[in-house]
Protein backbone atom coordinates (compact mmCIF):
# COMPACT_ATOMS: atom_id res chain seq x y z
CA UNK A 1 4.06 143.61 -31.74
CA UNK A 2 4.24 147.11 -30.28
CA UNK A 3 1.02 149.01 -29.74
CA UNK A 4 -0.65 151.11 -32.43
CA UNK A 5 -1.03 154.84 -31.70
CA UNK A 6 -4.65 155.98 -31.78
CA UNK A 7 -5.84 158.80 -34.01
CA UNK A 8 -6.53 160.84 -30.87
CA UNK A 9 -2.85 160.57 -29.89
CA UNK A 10 -1.74 161.55 -33.40
CA UNK A 11 -4.11 164.54 -33.44
CA UNK A 12 -2.66 165.78 -30.15
CA UNK A 13 0.83 165.70 -31.66
CA UNK A 14 -0.34 167.38 -34.88
CA UNK A 15 -2.14 170.14 -32.98
CA UNK A 16 0.97 170.81 -30.88
CA UNK A 17 3.15 170.71 -34.01
CA UNK A 18 5.18 167.89 -32.51
CA UNK A 19 4.22 166.05 -35.68
CA UNK A 20 3.64 167.43 -39.18
CA UNK A 21 1.01 165.75 -41.36
CA UNK A 22 2.93 166.00 -44.65
CA UNK A 23 5.81 164.18 -42.93
CA UNK A 24 3.40 161.50 -41.69
CA UNK A 25 2.16 160.94 -45.26
CA UNK A 26 5.72 160.89 -46.58
CA UNK A 27 6.64 158.22 -44.03
CA UNK A 28 3.69 156.07 -45.11
CA UNK A 29 4.55 156.49 -48.78
CA UNK A 30 8.15 155.50 -48.13
CA UNK A 31 7.07 152.45 -46.15
CA UNK A 32 4.63 151.38 -48.89
CA UNK A 33 7.49 151.56 -51.38
CA UNK A 34 9.81 149.60 -49.11
CA UNK A 35 7.23 146.86 -48.47
CA UNK A 36 6.05 146.22 -52.03
CA UNK A 37 6.60 142.49 -51.57
CA UNK A 38 3.50 142.39 -49.34
CA UNK A 39 1.37 143.31 -52.39
CA UNK A 40 -1.15 145.12 -50.17
CA UNK A 41 -1.65 148.19 -52.38
CA UNK A 42 -2.80 148.03 -55.99
CA UNK A 43 -2.46 151.77 -56.46
CA UNK A 44 -1.07 154.57 -54.30
CA UNK A 45 -2.50 158.09 -54.58
CA UNK A 46 0.83 159.74 -53.76
CA UNK A 47 0.33 163.24 -55.15
CA UNK A 48 -3.25 163.51 -53.85
CA UNK A 49 -2.19 162.36 -50.39
CA UNK A 50 0.65 164.91 -50.24
CA UNK A 51 -1.64 167.75 -51.33
CA UNK A 52 -4.34 166.72 -48.88
CA UNK A 53 -1.80 166.59 -46.04
CA UNK A 54 -0.79 170.21 -46.61
CA UNK A 55 -4.40 171.36 -46.80
CA UNK A 56 -5.52 169.43 -43.72
CA UNK A 57 -2.49 170.46 -41.64
CA UNK A 58 -3.51 174.06 -42.32
CA UNK A 59 -7.05 173.28 -41.13
CA UNK A 60 -5.63 171.64 -37.99
CA UNK A 61 -3.55 174.76 -37.30
CA UNK A 62 -6.66 176.94 -37.69
CA UNK A 63 -8.82 174.66 -35.56
CA UNK A 64 -11.28 173.87 -38.36
CA UNK A 65 -10.33 170.29 -39.19
CA UNK A 66 -12.78 167.38 -39.29
CA UNK A 67 -13.00 164.44 -36.89
CA UNK A 68 -10.66 162.25 -39.00
CA UNK A 69 -7.96 164.86 -39.59
CA UNK A 70 -4.62 163.09 -39.36
CA UNK A 71 -5.99 159.69 -40.38
CA UNK A 72 -4.30 158.18 -43.42
CA UNK A 73 -6.56 155.43 -44.69
CA UNK A 74 -6.64 152.84 -47.48
CA UNK A 75 -9.79 151.54 -49.15
CA UNK A 76 -10.49 148.05 -50.42
CA UNK A 77 -10.56 147.69 -54.19
CA UNK A 78 -14.33 147.15 -54.28
CA UNK A 79 -15.14 150.61 -52.86
CA UNK A 80 -15.76 153.25 -55.52
CA UNK A 81 -13.89 156.57 -55.45
CA UNK A 82 -14.81 159.09 -58.15
CA UNK A 83 -12.13 159.54 -60.81
CA UNK A 84 -10.12 156.58 -59.53
CA UNK A 85 -9.75 153.00 -60.68
CA UNK A 86 -11.77 150.28 -58.97
CA UNK A 87 -11.53 146.68 -60.15
CA UNK A 88 -12.62 144.39 -57.31
CA UNK A 89 -9.19 142.85 -58.04
CA UNK A 90 -10.58 141.28 -61.21
CA UNK A 91 -9.36 141.26 -64.79
CA UNK A 92 -12.92 141.91 -65.92
CA UNK A 93 -12.79 145.41 -64.37
CA UNK A 94 -9.12 146.12 -64.99
CA UNK A 95 -8.59 149.85 -65.62
CA UNK A 96 -12.24 150.72 -64.92
CA UNK A 97 -12.56 154.26 -63.49
CA UNK A 98 -15.50 154.98 -61.22
CA UNK A 99 -17.65 158.01 -62.13
CA UNK A 100 -18.88 158.40 -58.53
CA UNK A 101 -17.82 157.78 -54.93
CA UNK A 102 -19.26 155.38 -52.41
CA UNK A 103 -21.12 157.07 -49.57
CA UNK A 104 -18.49 155.83 -47.10
CA UNK A 105 -15.76 157.52 -49.16
CA UNK A 106 -17.64 160.82 -49.21
CA UNK A 107 -18.05 160.62 -45.44
CA UNK A 108 -14.34 159.95 -44.91
CA UNK A 109 -13.37 162.94 -47.04
CA UNK A 110 -15.92 165.22 -45.36
CA UNK A 111 -14.15 164.55 -42.05
CA UNK A 112 -10.67 165.19 -43.53
CA UNK A 113 -9.35 161.65 -43.78
CA UNK A 114 -6.57 161.19 -46.35
CA UNK A 115 -7.17 158.28 -48.73
CA UNK A 116 -3.71 157.02 -49.64
CA UNK A 117 -4.61 154.23 -52.06
CA UNK A 118 -6.69 151.20 -53.01
CA UNK A 119 -6.01 147.85 -51.46
CA UNK A 120 -5.73 144.35 -52.90
CA UNK A 121 -8.50 141.86 -52.15
CA UNK A 122 -9.86 138.52 -53.26
CA UNK A 123 -11.56 138.84 -56.65
CA UNK A 124 -15.03 140.30 -56.11
CA UNK A 125 -14.43 139.72 -52.37
CA UNK A 126 -14.70 135.96 -52.87
CA UNK A 127 -12.12 134.17 -50.78
CA UNK A 128 -10.63 133.66 -47.35
CA UNK A 129 -6.95 134.00 -48.18
CA UNK A 130 -6.53 136.86 -50.70
CA UNK A 131 -5.11 134.40 -53.22
CA UNK A 132 -7.87 134.78 -55.82
CA UNK A 133 -6.89 138.35 -56.72
CA UNK A 134 -6.02 138.91 -60.40
CA UNK A 135 -3.05 140.91 -59.10
CA UNK A 136 -1.57 138.15 -56.96
CA UNK A 137 -1.76 137.19 -53.29
CA UNK A 138 -1.25 139.53 -50.36
CA UNK A 139 1.49 138.38 -47.99
CA UNK A 140 1.22 138.42 -44.22
CA UNK A 141 3.67 140.82 -42.57
CA UNK A 142 4.20 138.38 -39.69
CA UNK A 143 5.48 135.77 -42.17
CA UNK A 144 5.52 136.53 -45.89
CA UNK A 145 5.05 132.85 -46.75
CA UNK A 146 1.60 132.97 -45.11
CA UNK A 147 -1.70 134.29 -46.42
CA UNK A 148 -3.18 137.53 -45.19
CA UNK A 149 -6.70 136.17 -44.88
CA UNK A 150 -9.51 137.41 -47.05
CA UNK A 151 -11.18 138.89 -48.72
CA UNK A 152 -9.96 142.16 -47.15
CA UNK A 153 -6.40 140.87 -46.91
CA UNK A 154 -4.78 143.97 -48.37
CA UNK A 155 -6.63 146.15 -45.87
CA UNK A 156 -5.53 144.02 -42.91
CA UNK A 157 -1.88 143.83 -43.98
CA UNK A 158 -1.75 147.56 -44.73
CA UNK A 159 -2.68 148.29 -41.11
CA UNK A 160 -0.57 145.44 -39.73
CA UNK A 161 2.56 146.64 -41.57
CA UNK A 162 1.92 150.33 -40.81
CA UNK A 163 1.44 151.20 -44.47
CA UNK A 164 -1.51 153.37 -43.41
CA UNK A 165 -3.25 154.17 -40.15
CA UNK A 166 -6.54 152.40 -40.89
CA UNK A 167 -8.45 150.78 -43.73
CA UNK A 168 -11.99 150.14 -44.90
CA UNK A 169 -12.87 146.62 -45.97
CA UNK A 170 -16.09 144.78 -46.67
CA UNK A 171 -17.40 141.81 -44.71
CA UNK A 172 -19.78 139.31 -46.31
CA UNK A 173 -19.06 136.23 -44.22
CA UNK A 174 -16.00 137.28 -42.25
CA UNK A 175 -13.94 139.19 -44.80
CA UNK A 176 -13.00 141.95 -42.34
CA UNK A 177 -12.78 139.85 -39.19
CA UNK A 178 -10.83 136.81 -40.44
CA UNK A 179 -7.96 138.77 -42.05
CA UNK A 180 -7.90 141.01 -38.97
CA UNK A 181 -7.37 137.86 -36.91
CA UNK A 182 -4.62 136.58 -39.22
CA UNK A 183 -2.84 139.94 -39.06
CA UNK A 184 -3.23 140.85 -35.39
CA UNK A 185 -5.44 143.93 -35.84
CA UNK A 186 -9.01 144.97 -34.99
CA UNK A 187 -11.77 144.15 -37.49
CA UNK A 188 -15.40 145.24 -37.05
CA UNK A 189 -18.46 144.03 -38.96
CA UNK A 190 -21.42 146.31 -38.20
CA UNK A 191 -25.05 145.22 -38.07
CA UNK A 192 -26.40 144.61 -41.57
CA UNK A 193 -27.86 147.92 -42.88
CA UNK A 194 -25.92 150.02 -40.35
CA UNK A 195 -23.63 151.34 -43.13
CA UNK A 196 -24.61 152.33 -46.67
CA UNK A 197 -23.64 149.96 -49.46
CA UNK A 198 -23.96 152.66 -52.13
CA UNK A 199 -20.81 152.55 -54.26
CA UNK A 200 -19.73 149.11 -53.05
CA UNK A 201 -19.22 146.50 -55.79
CA UNK A 202 -21.61 143.75 -54.75
CA UNK A 203 -20.81 140.16 -53.91
CA UNK A 204 -23.92 139.08 -51.97
CA UNK A 205 -26.25 142.01 -51.37
CA UNK A 206 -28.10 140.66 -48.33
CA UNK A 207 -24.79 140.08 -46.51
CA UNK A 208 -22.27 142.73 -47.61
CA UNK A 209 -21.25 145.36 -45.05
CA UNK A 210 -18.45 147.90 -44.96
CA UNK A 211 -16.33 147.68 -41.83
CA UNK A 212 -13.16 149.29 -40.44
CA UNK A 213 -9.82 147.57 -39.88
CA UNK A 214 -7.72 149.45 -37.34
CA UNK A 215 -4.99 149.15 -34.76
CA UNK A 216 -7.33 149.97 -31.88
CA UNK A 217 -10.95 149.70 -30.82
CA UNK A 218 -11.02 153.47 -30.30
CA UNK A 219 -10.31 154.11 -34.00
CA UNK A 220 -12.79 151.44 -35.11
CA UNK A 221 -15.50 153.17 -33.07
CA UNK A 222 -14.71 156.58 -34.53
CA UNK A 223 -14.68 155.29 -38.09
CA UNK A 224 -18.02 153.55 -37.64
CA UNK A 225 -19.44 156.73 -36.15
CA UNK A 226 -18.41 158.60 -39.31
CA UNK A 227 -19.49 156.13 -42.00
CA UNK A 228 -22.73 154.80 -40.44
CA UNK A 229 -26.23 156.17 -40.82
CA UNK A 230 -29.07 156.78 -43.29
CA UNK A 231 -28.30 157.41 -46.94
CA UNK A 232 -30.73 158.53 -49.63
CA UNK A 233 -28.75 156.52 -52.18
CA UNK A 234 -29.34 153.21 -50.38
CA UNK A 235 -32.95 152.25 -49.58
CA UNK A 236 -31.79 149.22 -47.57
CA UNK A 237 -29.77 151.19 -45.01
CA UNK A 238 -31.29 151.63 -41.56
CA UNK A 239 -32.73 154.92 -40.34
CA UNK A 240 -31.51 154.23 -36.80
CA UNK A 241 -29.72 157.23 -35.32
CA UNK A 242 -25.94 156.89 -35.06
CA UNK A 243 -24.74 156.99 -31.44
CA UNK A 244 -21.46 158.57 -30.40
CA UNK A 245 -19.66 155.23 -30.45
CA UNK A 246 -16.27 156.80 -29.74
CA UNK A 247 -17.47 158.20 -26.40
CA UNK A 248 -17.74 154.66 -24.98
CA UNK A 249 -20.54 155.75 -22.67
CA UNK A 250 -22.02 152.32 -22.04
CA UNK A 251 -21.63 150.88 -18.56
CA UNK A 252 -18.51 148.82 -18.10
CA UNK A 253 -19.12 146.42 -15.22
CA UNK A 254 -19.33 142.63 -15.44
CA UNK A 255 -20.90 141.12 -18.57
CA UNK A 256 -22.62 137.82 -19.30
CA UNK A 257 -20.76 136.09 -22.09
CA UNK A 258 -21.76 132.87 -23.82
CA UNK A 259 -19.30 130.71 -25.71
CA UNK A 260 -20.38 127.95 -28.07
CA UNK A 261 -19.51 124.60 -26.58
CA UNK A 262 -19.50 123.07 -30.08
CA UNK A 263 -16.78 125.55 -31.10
CA UNK A 264 -14.28 123.96 -28.71
CA UNK A 265 -14.86 120.58 -30.33
CA UNK A 266 -15.08 121.78 -33.92
CA UNK A 267 -13.32 119.63 -36.48
CA UNK A 268 -10.17 121.35 -37.68
CA UNK A 269 -9.77 123.59 -34.62
CA UNK A 270 -6.06 124.25 -34.21
CA UNK A 271 -4.75 123.18 -30.75
CA UNK A 272 -3.06 126.54 -30.17
CA UNK A 273 -6.23 128.43 -31.14
CA UNK A 274 -8.15 126.25 -28.68
CA UNK A 275 -5.58 126.95 -25.95
CA UNK A 276 -5.81 130.70 -26.65
CA UNK A 277 -9.58 130.58 -26.43
CA UNK A 278 -9.62 128.60 -23.17
CA UNK A 279 -7.05 130.97 -21.68
CA UNK A 280 -9.24 133.95 -22.48
CA UNK A 281 -12.25 132.30 -20.89
CA UNK A 282 -10.22 132.12 -17.69
CA UNK A 283 -8.93 135.69 -18.12
CA UNK A 284 -12.44 137.08 -18.56
CA UNK A 285 -13.71 135.18 -15.54
CA UNK A 286 -10.80 136.50 -13.49
CA UNK A 287 -11.76 140.03 -14.63
CA UNK A 288 -15.22 139.54 -13.12
CA UNK A 289 -17.26 138.56 -16.18
CA UNK A 290 -19.67 135.63 -16.20
CA UNK A 291 -18.58 133.27 -19.00
CA UNK A 292 -20.69 130.17 -19.65
CA UNK A 293 -20.96 127.50 -22.36
CA UNK A 294 -24.13 127.30 -24.45
CA UNK A 295 -25.14 124.79 -27.06
CA UNK A 296 -25.43 125.90 -30.67
CA UNK A 297 -26.32 122.71 -32.52
CA UNK A 298 -26.63 124.56 -35.84
CA UNK A 299 -22.89 125.25 -36.10
CA UNK A 300 -22.35 122.53 -38.71
CA UNK A 301 -24.95 124.14 -40.98
CA UNK A 302 -23.69 127.73 -40.97
CA UNK A 303 -21.06 127.30 -43.70
CA UNK A 304 -23.25 125.30 -46.14
CA UNK A 305 -26.20 127.69 -45.70
CA UNK A 306 -23.98 130.73 -46.11
CA UNK A 307 -22.30 129.52 -49.29
CA UNK A 308 -25.53 128.41 -50.95
CA UNK A 309 -27.09 131.82 -50.34
CA UNK A 310 -24.07 133.96 -51.22
CA UNK A 311 -23.26 131.99 -54.37
CA UNK A 312 -26.86 132.39 -55.50
CA UNK A 313 -26.69 136.15 -54.95
CA UNK A 314 -23.28 136.34 -56.62
CA UNK A 315 -24.53 134.59 -59.76
CA UNK A 316 -27.17 137.30 -60.08
CA UNK A 317 -24.97 140.27 -59.15
CA UNK A 318 -22.17 139.28 -61.54
CA UNK A 319 -24.46 138.78 -64.54
CA UNK A 320 -23.90 142.43 -65.50
CA UNK A 321 -20.24 141.78 -66.36
CA UNK A 322 -20.79 140.49 -69.87
CA UNK A 323 -18.36 142.30 -72.16
CA UNK A 324 -21.11 144.59 -73.44
CA UNK A 325 -21.99 147.16 -70.78
CA UNK A 326 -18.49 147.88 -69.44
CA UNK A 327 -15.34 146.12 -68.35
CA UNK A 328 -13.24 143.55 -70.15
CA UNK A 329 -14.25 142.39 -73.63
CA UNK A 330 -12.45 139.47 -75.26
CA UNK A 331 -10.48 140.32 -78.40
CA UNK A 332 -11.46 136.89 -79.73
CA UNK A 333 -15.21 137.60 -79.67
CA UNK A 334 -16.91 137.50 -83.08
CA UNK A 335 -20.62 137.86 -82.22
CA UNK A 336 -22.90 138.44 -79.24
CA UNK A 337 -22.72 134.86 -77.96
CA UNK A 338 -18.94 134.62 -78.12
CA UNK A 339 -18.70 138.10 -76.55
CA UNK A 340 -20.58 136.81 -73.51
CA UNK A 341 -18.80 133.48 -73.31
CA UNK A 342 -15.25 134.58 -73.99
CA UNK A 343 -15.37 137.82 -72.03
CA UNK A 344 -16.71 136.15 -68.90
CA UNK A 345 -14.51 133.05 -69.25
CA UNK A 346 -11.36 135.12 -69.74
CA UNK A 347 -12.29 137.98 -67.39
CA UNK A 348 -13.28 136.04 -64.28
CA UNK A 349 -10.90 133.95 -62.19
CA UNK A 350 -11.51 130.32 -61.25
CA UNK A 351 -13.00 131.00 -57.79
CA UNK A 352 -15.50 133.54 -59.13
CA UNK A 353 -16.51 131.21 -61.95
CA UNK A 354 -16.95 128.37 -59.47
CA UNK A 355 -19.31 130.45 -57.36
CA UNK A 356 -21.29 131.71 -60.36
CA UNK A 357 -21.82 128.15 -61.61
CA UNK A 358 -22.82 126.81 -58.20
CA UNK A 359 -25.06 129.83 -57.57
CA UNK A 360 -26.82 129.38 -60.89
CA UNK A 361 -27.28 125.69 -60.12
CA UNK A 362 -28.96 126.23 -56.73
CA UNK A 363 -31.34 128.76 -58.29
CA UNK A 364 -32.25 126.58 -61.24
CA UNK A 365 -35.61 124.90 -61.74
CA UNK A 366 -35.78 121.62 -59.86
CA UNK A 367 -33.06 122.61 -57.36
CA UNK A 368 -34.34 125.92 -55.99
CA UNK A 369 -36.48 124.33 -53.27
CA UNK A 370 -33.91 121.65 -52.46
CA UNK A 371 -31.06 124.10 -51.90
CA UNK A 372 -31.78 127.83 -51.97
CA UNK A 373 -35.18 127.79 -50.25
CA UNK A 374 -33.93 125.33 -47.64
CA UNK A 375 -30.84 127.47 -46.97
CA UNK A 376 -33.10 130.47 -46.38
CA UNK A 377 -35.01 128.47 -43.78
CA UNK A 378 -31.75 127.48 -42.10
CA UNK A 379 -30.69 131.13 -42.12
CA UNK A 380 -33.83 132.00 -40.19
CA UNK A 381 -33.22 129.21 -37.68
CA UNK A 382 -29.66 130.44 -37.14
CA UNK A 383 -30.87 134.01 -36.66
CA UNK A 384 -33.56 132.95 -34.19
CA UNK A 385 -31.20 130.73 -32.20
CA UNK A 386 -28.57 133.47 -32.08
CA UNK A 387 -31.13 136.02 -30.92
CA UNK A 388 -32.30 133.56 -28.27
CA UNK A 389 -28.77 133.30 -26.86
CA UNK A 390 -28.29 137.07 -26.95
CA UNK A 391 -31.57 137.59 -25.11
CA UNK A 392 -29.94 135.90 -22.11
CA UNK A 393 -26.31 136.99 -22.61
CA UNK A 394 -24.64 140.27 -23.53
CA UNK A 395 -22.23 138.74 -26.04
CA UNK A 396 -21.27 135.49 -27.76
CA UNK A 397 -17.59 134.61 -27.83
CA UNK A 398 -15.76 132.38 -30.35
CA UNK A 399 -12.33 132.12 -31.91
CA UNK A 400 -12.32 134.32 -35.02
CA UNK A 401 -10.79 131.60 -37.18
CA UNK A 402 -10.21 127.88 -36.53
CA UNK A 403 -6.47 128.19 -37.30
CA UNK A 404 -3.78 130.83 -37.78
CA UNK A 405 -2.73 132.02 -41.24
CA UNK A 406 -1.81 129.11 -43.50
CA UNK A 407 0.90 128.91 -46.15
CA UNK A 408 0.28 130.56 -49.51
CA UNK A 409 -0.78 127.88 -52.00
CA UNK A 410 -1.57 125.33 -49.30
CA UNK A 411 -5.33 125.32 -49.85
CA UNK A 412 -5.46 126.40 -53.50
CA UNK A 413 -6.43 122.93 -54.74
CA UNK A 414 -9.16 122.43 -52.14
CA UNK A 415 -11.68 125.30 -51.98
CA UNK A 416 -13.55 123.59 -49.12
CA UNK A 417 -10.56 124.26 -46.84
CA UNK A 418 -10.92 127.97 -47.59
CA UNK A 419 -14.68 127.85 -47.06
CA UNK A 420 -14.30 126.21 -43.64
CA UNK A 421 -12.07 129.10 -42.54
CA UNK A 422 -15.36 131.01 -42.16
CA UNK A 423 -16.96 128.57 -39.72
CA UNK A 424 -16.95 131.01 -36.78
CA UNK A 425 -17.54 134.26 -38.66
CA UNK A 426 -20.57 133.43 -40.84
CA UNK A 427 -22.95 133.10 -37.87
CA UNK A 428 -22.98 136.88 -37.37
CA UNK A 429 -23.41 137.40 -41.11
CA UNK A 430 -26.37 135.04 -41.35
CA UNK A 431 -27.95 136.61 -38.27
CA UNK A 432 -27.24 140.18 -39.44
CA UNK A 433 -25.66 141.19 -36.13
CA UNK A 434 -22.45 143.08 -35.30
CA UNK A 435 -19.22 141.25 -34.53
CA UNK A 436 -15.65 142.26 -33.81
CA UNK A 437 -12.32 140.44 -33.99
CA UNK A 438 -9.70 141.46 -31.43
CA UNK A 439 -6.02 140.46 -31.39
CA UNK A 440 -5.33 137.82 -28.78
CA UNK A 441 -1.83 136.49 -28.72
CA UNK A 442 0.48 134.79 -31.17
CA UNK A 443 1.11 131.10 -31.63
CA UNK A 444 4.56 129.58 -31.15
CA UNK A 445 5.48 130.45 -34.73
CA UNK A 446 4.67 134.12 -34.07
CA UNK A 447 1.47 134.16 -36.12
CA UNK A 448 -1.35 136.32 -34.74
CA UNK A 449 -4.54 134.81 -33.33
CA UNK A 450 -7.88 136.52 -32.87
CA UNK A 451 -10.93 136.26 -30.67
CA UNK A 452 -14.43 137.27 -31.78
CA UNK A 453 -17.37 138.76 -29.93
CA UNK A 454 -20.90 138.94 -31.35
CA UNK A 455 -23.37 141.53 -30.05
CA UNK A 456 -27.03 142.40 -30.33
CA UNK A 457 -28.48 143.96 -33.47
CA UNK A 458 -27.71 147.71 -33.72
CA UNK A 459 -25.97 147.66 -30.35
CA UNK A 460 -22.47 148.33 -31.63
CA UNK A 461 -22.05 150.83 -28.80
CA UNK A 462 -22.22 148.07 -26.19
CA UNK A 463 -19.94 145.80 -28.24
CA UNK A 464 -17.35 148.51 -28.75
CA UNK A 465 -17.42 149.68 -25.12
CA UNK A 466 -16.87 146.12 -23.93
CA UNK A 467 -14.12 145.59 -26.51
CA UNK A 468 -12.37 148.77 -25.39
CA UNK A 469 -12.66 147.62 -21.79
CA UNK A 470 -10.96 144.27 -22.44
CA UNK A 471 -8.61 145.35 -25.25
CA UNK A 472 -5.61 145.69 -22.97
CA UNK A 473 -6.44 142.41 -21.24
CA UNK A 474 -6.20 140.64 -24.61
CA UNK A 475 -3.31 142.69 -25.96
CA UNK A 476 -1.29 141.85 -22.86
CA UNK A 477 -0.85 138.40 -24.36
CA UNK A 478 0.36 139.57 -27.75
CA UNK A 479 3.96 138.55 -27.34
CA UNK A 480 3.29 135.44 -25.29
CA UNK A 481 3.41 131.99 -26.77
CA UNK A 482 0.32 129.88 -26.17
């Protein structure tokens, strides 16, 4: 895969009139039309994008454009945009039009980004393959028979296939990082509370975070710099000041990196993923970094704890979709009870219903202490152990996913297979720390592989500076077989 141009490079060309923004938008629109089989976009804002391109090119010419001028970006279909449809890729919200915009959308527009459309995702962001969408699966541009990863699969494929320059997804347990790995792009999950969740359709409120999917670390840093920070609409967002992430001012030099010894012996770890990971350990050592194994004996508990907690939160968050307040209402309903039952049964897909039922079960009397309360205790243990490792090391390193993208339909009858795809990503989510997936080679079949780095809480600057420093080291392997 050839390299992605950075926004900075594009802006230089736009400023010098070697490139014209309306032409850039037209090229993206043509490519979206040509690549419809990927099913990445649910809706394209063609006329708006063309008008915005003319307006922003004029601002570029006058030297008054914002920091994201020239960026054509897609947004996941669980991010609200005033006057536009948002459905979380669910029948129950089909044709719903948002009356307001998410804070992250407002911040993109304030800096002159062009939002070109809304992107397919797993229904209510629940999935690891983008197969649970009401609108059908997203196909991987590296091999259209393979999944894109999820839940932000449309966002990852849109960047991978050059349907837009960048995308915003949401990450609950790996939903930005895992599809980024499957598609050979950069995916960043910020520290929990680093980015406002106002205007984001909730899956699990104590986990959800908006994160960028880009072709380069440089663009991921700039996007985070724009969307992060305090927000009066979200009382849970942090008041920490937002550093100039895109300046990459943190010291380069050698870093201390821990890798989880249990990860190399994890059940289901693909041999080519393992070989990629071991190769990068050697590459990082050769580059002067200290890379050492550490024990993380809680690895086998991260997936069960994560799913118990997120399903419990989902059962509460999705209670509002009842056929009364808004959204889909069954035509077969005859009274209040059948309105609830039929609307929810017909409006939700099988994966969402499975998680609602399991979440309600673990919160029910007699099972709360046995499951939900215990999972919360495990979450704390995982957070403490992770912090303990990061007190001694700068970063933790793992594969992003245990295997490359699998075939569409392959895991549809066994949800546990999909759940285990999150084994390496949910640690950062449970601990509330930042993590990034970087492209790191393809397997023999040409499918992208990714490597993940976890950093300290609210120290995205260090994580991004390190990632920028090693990006070329990892990308140098992109066309090599393992």
